[in-house]
């Protein structure tokens, strides 16, 4: 009997080329203009190393934003 393959994009992202990601979820109220939201996300990208993963705009106008950044693991050096 064939089995259905479940596609999990979060799992794929985490294991693709051994890259690990850290995610941050933000909910932004509809009262903030597009320019204010853009400025806020640009500042997070420049100063925190975050990049935009996805944006969902709800029918009521709230934005759900998912940011991601690479987790860099330090390997011990041999002395």
PDB file of N, CA and C in Angstrom:
ATOM      1  N   UNK A   1       0.849  -1.174   0.000  1.00  0.00           N
ATOM      2  CA  UNK A   1       0.000   0.000   0.000  1.00  0.00           C
ATOM      3  C   UNK A   1       0.892   1.234   0.000  1.00  0.00           C
ATOM      4  N   UNK A   2       0.732   2.166  -0.946  1.00  0.00           N
ATOM      5  CA  UNK A   2       1.563   3.373  -0.983  1.00  0.00           C
ATOM      6  C   UNK A   2       1.218   4.299   0.177  1.00  0.00           C
ATOM      7  N   UNK A   3       2.234   4.986   0.661  1.00  0.00           N
ATOM      8  CA  UNK A   3       2.029   5.936   1.752  1.00  0.00           C
ATOM      9  C   UNK A   3       2.218   7.349   1.225  1.00  0.00           C
ATOM     10  N   UNK A   4       1.494   8.260   1.808  1.00  0.00           N
ATOM     11  CA  UNK A   4       1.606   9.662   1.417  1.00  0.00           C
ATOM     12  C   UNK A   4       2.841  10.265   2.071  1.00  0.00           C
ATOM     13  N   UNK A   5       3.579  11.017   1.297  1.00  0.00           N
ATOM     14  CA  UNK A   5       4.759  11.684   1.837  1.00  0.00           C
ATOM     15  C   UNK A   5       4.356  13.059   2.353  1.00  0.00           C
ATOM     16  N   UNK A   6       4.694  13.321   3.592  1.00  0.00           N
ATOM     17  CA  UNK A   6       4.337  14.603   4.206  1.00  0.00           C
ATOM     18  C   UNK A   6       5.468  15.585   3.947  1.00  0.00           C
ATOM     19  N   UNK A   7       5.126  16.716   3.365  1.00  0.00           N
ATOM     20  CA  UNK A   7       6.106  17.764   3.094  1.00  0.00           C
ATOM     21  C   UNK A   7       6.062  18.759   4.230  1.00  0.00           C
ATOM     22  N   UNK A   8       7.152  18.876   4.937  1.00  0.00           N
ATOM     23  CA  UNK A   8       7.257  19.826   6.046  1.00  0.00           C
ATOM     24  C   UNK A   8       8.313  20.855   5.679  1.00  0.00           C
ATOM     25  N   UNK A   9       7.910  22.066   5.236  1.00  0.00           N
ATOM     26  CA  UNK A   9       8.905  23.055   4.810  1.00  0.00           C
ATOM     27  C   UNK A   9       9.853  23.473   5.921  1.00  0.00           C
ATOM     28  N   UNK A  10       9.404  23.473   7.170  1.00  0.00           N
ATOM     29  CA  UNK A  10      10.293  23.859   8.274  1.00  0.00           C
ATOM     30  C   UNK A  10      11.410  22.825   8.431  1.00  0.00           C
ATOM     31  N   UNK A  11      11.068  21.559   8.307  1.00  0.00           N
ATOM     32  CA  UNK A  11      12.070  20.503   8.413  1.00  0.00           C
ATOM     33  C   UNK A  11      13.048  20.580   7.248  1.00  0.00           C
ATOM     34  N   UNK A  12      12.532  20.839   6.064  1.00  0.00           N
ATOM     35  CA  UNK A  12      13.390  20.934   4.891  1.00  0.00           C
ATOM     36  C   UNK A  12      14.372  22.093   5.040  1.00  0.00           C
ATOM     37  N   UNK A  13      13.887  23.199   5.539  1.00  0.00           N
ATOM     38  CA  UNK A  13      14.744  24.354   5.724  1.00  0.00           C
ATOM     39  C   UNK A  13      15.846  24.071   6.746  1.00  0.00           C
ATOM     40  N   UNK A  14      15.480  23.351   7.778  1.00  0.00           N
ATOM     41  CA  UNK A  14      16.434  23.112   8.855  1.00  0.00           C
ATOM     42  C   UNK A  14      17.540  22.142   8.433  1.00  0.00           C
ATOM     43  N   UNK A  15      17.237  21.212   7.552  1.00  0.00           N
ATOM     44  CA  UNK A  15      18.229  20.206   7.203  1.00  0.00           C
ATOM     45  C   UNK A  15      18.891  20.437   5.851  1.00  0.00           C
ATOM     46  N   UNK A  16      18.425  21.373   5.079  1.00  0.00           N
ATOM     47  CA  UNK A  16      18.982  21.607   3.764  1.00  0.00           C
ATOM     48  C   UNK A  16      20.417  22.120   3.887  1.00  0.00           C
ATOM     49  N   UNK A  17      21.346  21.368   3.385  1.00  0.00           N
ATOM     50  CA  UNK A  17      22.775  21.704   3.440  1.00  0.00           C
ATOM     51  C   UNK A  17      23.261  21.966   4.865  1.00  0.00           C
ATOM     52  N   UNK A  18      22.655  21.301   5.803  1.00  0.00           N
ATOM     53  CA  UNK A  18      23.023  21.413   7.208  1.00  0.00           C
ATOM     54  C   UNK A  18      22.961  22.851   7.734  1.00  0.00           C
ATOM     55  N   UNK A  19      22.031  23.601   7.219  1.00  0.00           N
ATOM     56  CA  UNK A  19      21.832  24.973   7.688  1.00  0.00           C
ATOM     57  C   UNK A  19      20.746  24.944   8.756  1.00  0.00           C
ATOM     58  N   UNK A  20      21.025  25.539   9.891  1.00  0.00           N
ATOM     59  CA  UNK A  20      20.032  25.640  10.947  1.00  0.00           C
ATOM     60  C   UNK A  20      19.542  27.079  11.023  1.00  0.00           C
ATOM     61  N   UNK A  21      18.250  27.233  11.217  1.00  0.00           N
ATOM     62  CA  UNK A  21      17.635  28.549  11.249  1.00  0.00           C
ATOM     63  C   UNK A  21      16.992  28.803  12.602  1.00  0.00           C
ATOM     64  N   UNK A  22      17.011  30.052  12.995  1.00  0.00           N
ATOM     65  CA  UNK A  22      16.283  30.519  14.161  1.00  0.00           C
ATOM     66  C   UNK A  22      15.125  31.355  13.635  1.00  0.00           C
ATOM     67  N   UNK A  23      13.919  31.135  14.160  1.00  0.00           N
ATOM     68  CA  UNK A  23      12.742  31.833  13.675  1.00  0.00           C
ATOM     69  C   UNK A  23      12.191  32.757  14.747  1.00  0.00           C
ATOM     70  N   UNK A  24      11.630  33.866  14.291  1.00  0.00           N
ATOM     71  CA  UNK A  24      10.956  34.803  15.181  1.00  0.00           C
ATOM     72  C   UNK A  24       9.619  35.176  14.548  1.00  0.00           C
ATOM     73  N   UNK A  25       8.551  35.024  15.307  1.00  0.00           N
ATOM     74  CA  UNK A  25       7.220  35.342  14.805  1.00  0.00           C
ATOM     75  C   UNK A  25       6.762  36.675  15.390  1.00  0.00           C
ATOM     76  N   UNK A  26       6.278  37.539  14.521  1.00  0.00           N
ATOM     77  CA  UNK A  26       5.782  38.847  14.934  1.00  0.00           C
ATOM     78  C   UNK A  26       4.334  39.007  14.491  1.00  0.00           C
ATOM     79  N   UNK A  27       3.542  39.645  15.320  1.00  0.00           N
ATOM     80  CA  UNK A  27       2.187  40.029  14.940  1.00  0.00           C
ATOM     81  C   UNK A  27       2.126  41.543  15.017  1.00  0.00           C
ATOM     82  N   UNK A  28       1.799  42.158  13.885  1.00  0.00           N
ATOM     83  CA  UNK A  28       1.805  43.614  13.788  1.00  0.00           C
ATOM     84  C   UNK A  28       0.372  44.089  13.570  1.00  0.00           C
ATOM     85  N   UNK A  29      -0.058  45.011  14.412  1.00  0.00           N
ATOM     86  CA  UNK A  29      -1.431  45.524  14.353  1.00  0.00           C
ATOM     87  C   UNK A  29      -1.667  46.315  13.071  1.00  0.00           C
ATOM     88  N   UNK A  30      -2.922  46.413  12.698  1.00  0.00           N
ATOM     89  CA  UNK A  30      -3.279  47.101  11.456  1.00  0.00           C
ATOM     90  C   UNK A  30      -3.095  48.600  11.532  1.00  0.00           C
ATOM     91  N   UNK A  31      -2.933  49.160  12.736  1.00  0.00           N
ATOM     92  CA  UNK A  31      -2.778  50.596  12.889  1.00  0.00           C
ATOM     93  C   UNK A  31      -1.451  51.109  12.333  1.00  0.00           C
ATOM     94  N   UNK A  32      -0.467  50.233  12.182  1.00  0.00           N
ATOM     95  CA  UNK A  32       0.835  50.644  11.665  1.00  0.00           C
ATOM     96  C   UNK A  32       0.795  50.691  10.141  1.00  0.00           C
ATOM     97  N   UNK A  33       1.314  51.770   9.596  1.00  0.00           N
ATOM     98  CA  UNK A  33       1.311  51.926   8.139  1.00  0.00           C
ATOM     99  C   UNK A  33       2.357  51.003   7.511  1.00  0.00           C
ATOM    100  N   UNK A  34       2.241  50.857   6.217  1.00  0.00           N
ATOM    101  CA  UNK A  34       3.179  50.011   5.483  1.00  0.00           C
ATOM    102  C   UNK A  34       4.606  50.540   5.608  1.00  0.00           C
ATOM    103  N   UNK A  35       4.778  51.861   5.588  1.00  0.00           N
ATOM    104  CA  UNK A  35       6.113  52.454   5.709  1.00  0.00           C
ATOM    105  C   UNK A  35       6.729  52.189   7.085  1.00  0.00           C
ATOM    106  N   UNK A  36       5.925  52.259   8.126  1.00  0.00           N
ATOM    107  CA  UNK A  36       6.429  52.007   9.480  1.00  0.00           C
ATOM    108  C   UNK A  36       6.852  50.546   9.615  1.00  0.00           C
ATOM    109  N   UNK A  37       6.040  49.633   9.097  1.00  0.00           N
ATOM    110  CA  UNK A  37       6.365  48.205   9.166  1.00  0.00           C
ATOM    111  C   UNK A  37       7.637  47.919   8.365  1.00  0.00           C
ATOM    112  N   UNK A  38       7.749  48.506   7.194  1.00  0.00           N
ATOM    113  CA  UNK A  38       8.945  48.306   6.368  1.00  0.00           C
ATOM    114  C   UNK A  38      10.185  48.799   7.097  1.00  0.00           C
ATOM    115  N   UNK A  39      10.107  49.980   7.699  1.00  0.00           N
ATOM    116  CA  UNK A  39      11.242  50.529   8.439  1.00  0.00           C
ATOM    117  C   UNK A  39      11.632  49.626   9.605  1.00  0.00           C
ATOM    118  N   UNK A  40      10.642  49.127  10.325  1.00  0.00           N
ATOM    119  CA  UNK A  40      10.903  48.247  11.457  1.00  0.00           C
ATOM    120  C   UNK A  40      11.599  46.952  11.008  1.00  0.00           C
ATOM    121  N   UNK A  41      11.119  46.363   9.925  1.00  0.00           N
ATOM    122  CA  UNK A  41      11.715  45.119   9.441  1.00  0.00           C
ATOM    123  C   UNK A  41      13.118  45.337   8.873  1.00  0.00           C
ATOM    124  N   UNK A  42      13.337  46.482   8.232  1.00  0.00           N
ATOM    125  CA  UNK A  42      14.674  46.799   7.714  1.00  0.00           C
ATOM    126  C   UNK A  42      15.667  46.961   8.859  1.00  0.00           C
ATOM    127  N   UNK A  43      15.246  47.618   9.943  1.00  0.00           N
ATOM    128  CA  UNK A  43      16.133  47.769  11.105  1.00  0.00           C
ATOM    129  C   UNK A  43      16.474  46.428  11.723  1.00  0.00           C
ATOM    130  N   UNK A  44      15.488  45.527  11.829  1.00  0.00           N
ATOM    131  CA  UNK A  44      15.769  44.189  12.364  1.00  0.00           C
ATOM    132  C   UNK A  44      16.735  43.430  11.462  1.00  0.00           C
ATOM    133  N   UNK A  45      16.593  43.615  10.156  1.00  0.00           N
ATOM    134  CA  UNK A  45      17.477  42.925   9.216  1.00  0.00           C
ATOM    135  C   UNK A  45      18.905  43.454   9.299  1.00  0.00           C
ATOM    136  N   UNK A  46      19.047  44.774   9.376  1.00  0.00           N
ATOM    137  CA  UNK A  46      20.379  45.374   9.390  1.00  0.00           C
ATOM    138  C   UNK A  46      21.113  45.142  10.703  1.00  0.00           C
ATOM    139  N   UNK A  47      20.402  45.223  11.822  1.00  0.00           N
ATOM    140  CA  UNK A  47      21.067  45.161  13.118  1.00  0.00           C
ATOM    141  C   UNK A  47      21.019  43.787  13.769  1.00  0.00           C
ATOM    142  N   UNK A  48      20.045  42.959  13.387  1.00  0.00           N
ATOM    143  CA  UNK A  48      19.919  41.656  14.029  1.00  0.00           C
ATOM    144  C   UNK A  48      20.249  40.486  13.128  1.00  0.00           C
ATOM    145  N   UNK A  49      20.461  40.748  11.849  1.00  0.00           N
ATOM    146  CA  UNK A  49      20.781  39.676  10.926  1.00  0.00           C
ATOM    147  C   UNK A  49      19.572  38.865  10.486  1.00  0.00           C
ATOM    148  N   UNK A  50      18.373  39.384  10.675  1.00  0.00           N
ATOM    149  CA  UNK A  50      17.161  38.663  10.316  1.00  0.00           C
ATOM    150  C   UNK A  50      16.850  38.865   8.849  1.00  0.00           C
ATOM    151  N   UNK A  51      16.183  37.884   8.253  1.00  0.00           N
ATOM    152  CA  UNK A  51      15.666  38.023   6.897  1.00  0.00           C
ATOM    153  C   UNK A  51      14.209  37.588   6.895  1.00  0.00           C
ATOM    154  N   UNK A  52      13.466  38.095   5.941  1.00  0.00           N
ATOM    155  CA  UNK A  52      12.038  37.844   5.869  1.00  0.00           C
ATOM    156  C   UNK A  52      11.786  36.438   5.343  1.00  0.00           C
ATOM    157  N   UNK A  53      11.017  35.652   6.073  1.00  0.00           N
ATOM    158  CA  UNK A  53      10.669  34.306   5.638  1.00  0.00           C
ATOM    159  C   UNK A  53       9.282  34.294   5.008  1.00  0.00           C
ATOM    160  N   UNK A  54       8.290  34.838   5.718  1.00  0.00           N
ATOM    161  CA  UNK A  54       6.949  34.912   5.146  1.00  0.00           C
ATOM    162  C   UNK A  54       6.129  35.988   5.838  1.00  0.00           C
ATOM    163  N   UNK A  55       5.110  36.452   5.109  1.00  0.00           N
ATOM    164  CA  UNK A  55       4.184  37.459   5.625  1.00  0.00           C
ATOM    165  C   UNK A  55       2.777  36.998   5.295  1.00  0.00           C
ATOM    166  N   UNK A  56       1.900  37.078   6.293  1.00  0.00           N
ATOM    167  CA  UNK A  56       0.489  36.771   6.063  1.00  0.00           C
ATOM    168  C   UNK A  56      -0.319  37.967   6.550  1.00  0.00           C
ATOM    169  N   UNK A  57      -1.124  38.520   5.651  1.00  0.00           N
ATOM    170  CA  UNK A  57      -1.988  39.634   6.013  1.00  0.00           C
ATOM    171  C   UNK A  57      -3.391  39.076   6.183  1.00  0.00           C
ATOM    172  N   UNK A  58      -3.931  39.207   7.397  1.00  0.00           N
ATOM    173  CA  UNK A  58      -5.266  38.694   7.712  1.00  0.00           C
ATOM    174  C   UNK A  58      -6.331  39.608   7.128  1.00  0.00           C
ATOM    175  N   UNK A  59      -7.551  39.108   6.988  1.00  0.00           N
ATOM    176  CA  UNK A  59      -8.635  39.965   6.478  1.00  0.00           C
ATOM    177  C   UNK A  59      -8.900  41.191   7.354  1.00  0.00           C
ATOM    178  N   UNK A  60      -8.582  41.104   8.639  1.00  0.00           N
ATOM    179  CA  UNK A  60      -8.793  42.273   9.508  1.00  0.00           C
ATOM    180  C   UNK A  60      -7.633  43.264   9.441  1.00  0.00           C
ATOM    181  N   UNK A  61      -6.592  42.961   8.679  1.00  0.00           N
ATOM    182  CA  UNK A  61      -5.489  43.897   8.470  1.00  0.00           C
ATOM    183  C   UNK A  61      -4.252  43.637   9.300  1.00  0.00           C
ATOM    184  N   UNK A  62      -4.313  42.712  10.256  1.00  0.00           N
ATOM    185  CA  UNK A  62      -3.106  42.404  11.035  1.00  0.00           C
ATOM    186  C   UNK A  62      -2.138  41.601  10.166  1.00  0.00           C
ATOM    187  N   UNK A  63      -0.861  41.815  10.434  1.00  0.00           N
ATOM    188  CA  UNK A  63       0.177  41.121   9.673  1.00  0.00           C
ATOM    189  C   UNK A  63       0.875  40.122  10.586  1.00  0.00           C
ATOM    190  N   UNK A  64       1.017  38.910  10.113  1.00  0.00           N
ATOM    191  CA  UNK A  64       1.818  37.909  10.817  1.00  0.00           C
ATOM    192  C   UNK A  64       3.085  37.718  10.006  1.00  0.00           C
ATOM    193  N   UNK A  65       4.207  38.064  10.625  1.00  0.00           N
ATOM    194  CA  UNK A  65       5.501  38.049   9.941  1.00  0.00           C
ATOM    195  C   UNK A  65       6.383  37.001  10.602  1.00  0.00           C
ATOM    196  N   UNK A  66       7.070  36.217   9.776  1.00  0.00           N
ATOM    197  CA  UNK A  66       8.037  35.253  10.283  1.00  0.00           C
ATOM    198  C   UNK A  66       9.405  35.661   9.742  1.00  0.00           C
ATOM    199  N   UNK A  67      10.335  35.905  10.663  1.00  0.00           N
ATOM    200  CA  UNK A  67      11.704  36.253  10.306  1.00  0.00           C
ATOM    201  C   UNK A  67      12.595  35.059  10.610  1.00  0.00           C
ATOM    202  N   UNK A  68      13.705  34.959   9.911  1.00  0.00           N
ATOM    203  CA  UNK A  68      14.651  33.873  10.177  1.00  0.00           C
ATOM    204  C   UNK A  68      16.072  34.385  10.083  1.00  0.00           C
ATOM    205  N   UNK A  69      16.977  33.685  10.784  1.00  0.00           N
ATOM    206  CA  UNK A  69      18.401  33.956  10.640  1.00  0.00           C
ATOM    207  C   UNK A  69      19.151  32.659  10.894  1.00  0.00           C
ATOM    208  N   UNK A  70      20.311  32.577  10.277  1.00  0.00           N
ATOM    209  CA  UNK A  70      21.113  31.366  10.385  1.00  0.00           C
ATOM    210  C   UNK A  70      21.710  31.247  11.777  1.00  0.00           C
ATOM    211  N   UNK A  71      21.767  30.024  12.267  1.00  0.00           N
ATOM    212  CA  UNK A  71      22.457  29.733  13.508  1.00  0.00           C
ATOM    213  C   UNK A  71      23.851  29.258  13.123  1.00  0.00           C
ATOM    214  N   UNK A  72      24.849  29.967  13.577  1.00  0.00           N
ATOM    215  CA  UNK A  72      26.227  29.628  13.253  1.00  0.00           C
ATOM    216  C   UNK A  72      26.835  28.932  14.453  1.00  0.00           C
ATOM    217  N   UNK A  73      27.200  27.693  14.267  1.00  0.00           N
ATOM    218  CA  UNK A  73      27.785  26.902  15.344  1.00  0.00           C
ATOM    219  C   UNK A  73      29.305  27.035  15.297  1.00  0.00           C
ATOM    220  N   UNK A  74      29.885  27.244  16.448  1.00  0.00           N
ATOM    221  CA  UNK A  74      31.337  27.314  16.544  1.00  0.00           C
ATOM    222  C   UNK A  74      31.897  25.908  16.753  1.00  0.00           C
ATOM    223  N   UNK A  75      32.857  25.545  15.961  1.00  0.00           N
ATOM    224  CA  UNK A  75      33.501  24.249  16.132  1.00  0.00           C
ATOM    225  C   UNK A  75      34.746  24.431  16.964  1.00  0.00           C
ATOM    226  N   UNK A  76      34.994  23.513  17.890  1.00  0.00           N
ATOM    227  CA  UNK A  76      36.219  23.634  18.688  1.00  0.00           C
ATOM    228  C   UNK A  76      37.456  23.425  17.811  1.00  0.00           C
ATOM    229  N   UNK A  77      38.453  24.217  18.055  1.00  0.00           N
ATOM    230  CA  UNK A  77      39.698  24.090  17.297  1.00  0.00           C
ATOM    231  C   UNK A  77      40.691  23.220  18.060  1.00  0.00           C
ATOM    232  N   UNK A  78      41.500  22.527  17.320  1.00  0.00           N
ATOM    233  CA  UNK A  78      42.533  21.693  17.940  1.00  0.00           C
ATOM    234  C   UNK A  78      43.777  22.534  18.161  1.00  0.00           C
ATOM    235  N   UNK A  79      44.356  22.413  19.323  1.00  0.00           N
ATOM    236  CA  UNK A  79      45.567  23.192  19.606  1.00  0.00           C
ATOM    237  C   UNK A  79      46.769  22.309  19.715  1.00  0.00           C
TER     238      UNK A  79
END
